[in-house]
Amino acid sequence: MRLDKYLKVTRLIKRRTVANEACDAGRVTINGRPAKASAEVKVGDKITIGFGNKDVSVEVLDVQETIHKEDVSQLYRYI
């Protein structure tokens, strides 16, 4: 799954266009490397997102195209 879509599905970033802009600005990394919005996300990847002066790091546990809001926490784990 594309990185920008994964960020939207997991609700780490609310809109896909915002996720796309964050990737273009270099604020999103996968496994320590800056990632484009089109980068593929796989189980086991570590994603770090820079929000202003704090960073959010998560580990990908599962990849799904659609999921209910209540079940989103099963897709990733905070590090």
Protein backbone atom coordinates (compact mmCIF):
# COMPACT_ATOMS: atom_id res chain seq x y z
CA MET A 1 0.00 0.00 0.00
CA ARG A 2 1.18 3.53 -0.72
CA LEU A 3 2.52 5.49 2.24
CA ASP A 4 0.11 8.41 1.88
CA LYS A 5 -2.90 6.07 1.76
CA TYR A 6 -1.63 4.10 4.79
CA LEU A 7 -1.29 7.29 6.83
CA LYS A 8 -4.87 8.23 5.93
CA VAL A 9 -6.35 4.75 6.59
CA THR A 10 -4.66 4.55 10.00
CA ARG A 11 -5.74 8.13 10.75
CA LEU A 12 -2.22 9.16 11.71
CA ILE A 13 -2.81 12.04 9.27
CA LYS A 14 -6.42 13.02 8.59
CA ARG A 15 -6.30 13.68 4.83
CA ARG A 16 -4.35 12.02 2.05
CA THR A 17 -3.36 15.35 0.51
CA VAL A 18 -1.87 16.46 3.84
CA ALA A 19 0.00 13.14 4.05
CA ASN A 20 1.27 13.72 0.51
CA GLU A 21 2.51 17.21 1.41
CA ALA A 22 4.24 15.92 4.57
CA CYS A 23 6.08 13.31 2.48
CA ASP A 24 7.11 15.92 -0.11
CA ALA A 25 8.44 18.16 2.66
CA GLY A 26 10.63 15.31 4.00
CA ARG A 27 8.84 15.01 7.35
CA VAL A 28 8.04 11.30 6.93
CA THR A 29 10.65 8.52 7.06
CA ILE A 30 10.41 4.76 6.66
CA ASN A 31 13.12 2.77 8.46
CA GLY A 32 15.19 5.93 8.90
CA ARG A 33 15.12 7.02 5.24
CA PRO A 34 13.06 9.91 3.86
CA ALA A 35 10.09 8.49 1.99
CA LYS A 36 8.00 9.65 -0.94
CA ALA A 37 4.21 9.39 -0.82
CA SER A 38 4.36 6.53 -3.34
CA ALA A 39 6.66 4.37 -1.18
CA GLU A 40 5.30 0.91 -0.40
CA VAL A 41 4.46 0.17 3.25
CA LYS A 42 5.02 -3.39 4.49
CA VAL A 43 4.48 -5.16 7.80
CA GLY A 44 7.45 -4.52 10.09
CA ASP A 45 8.31 -1.07 8.70
CA LYS A 46 9.01 1.73 11.16
CA ILE A 47 7.42 5.05 10.16
CA THR A 48 8.41 8.35 11.77
CA ILE A 49 6.36 11.51 11.19
CA GLY A 50 7.56 14.96 12.21
CA PHE A 51 4.75 17.11 13.63
CA GLY A 52 6.20 20.54 14.41
CA ASN A 53 8.58 20.01 17.33
CA LYS A 54 7.65 16.38 18.12
CA ASP A 55 8.09 13.12 16.26
CA VAL A 56 5.65 10.22 16.21
CA SER A 57 7.13 6.76 15.55
CA VAL A 58 5.01 3.70 14.80
CA GLU A 59 5.66 0.12 13.73
CA VAL A 60 3.41 -1.32 11.02
CA LEU A 61 1.59 -4.43 12.30
CA ASP A 62 -0.88 -4.91 9.44
CA VAL A 63 -1.83 -3.34 6.10
CA GLN A 64 -5.50 -3.12 5.10
CA GLU A 65 -7.26 -1.04 2.44
CA THR A 66 -10.28 -0.21 4.62
CA ILE A 67 -10.96 -0.60 8.33
CA HIS A 68 -13.48 0.60 10.91
CA LYS A 69 -12.44 3.52 13.09
CA GLU A 70 -12.56 1.38 16.25
CA ASP A 71 -10.13 -1.22 14.84
CA VAL A 72 -7.42 1.18 13.62
CA SER A 73 -5.17 0.51 16.64
CA GLN A 74 -4.57 -3.03 15.33
CA LEU A 75 -2.71 -1.69 12.27
CA TYR A 76 0.22 -0.05 14.09
CA ARG A 77 2.00 0.18 17.43
CA TYR A 78 3.57 3.33 18.92
CA ILE A 79 7.31 3.10 19.57
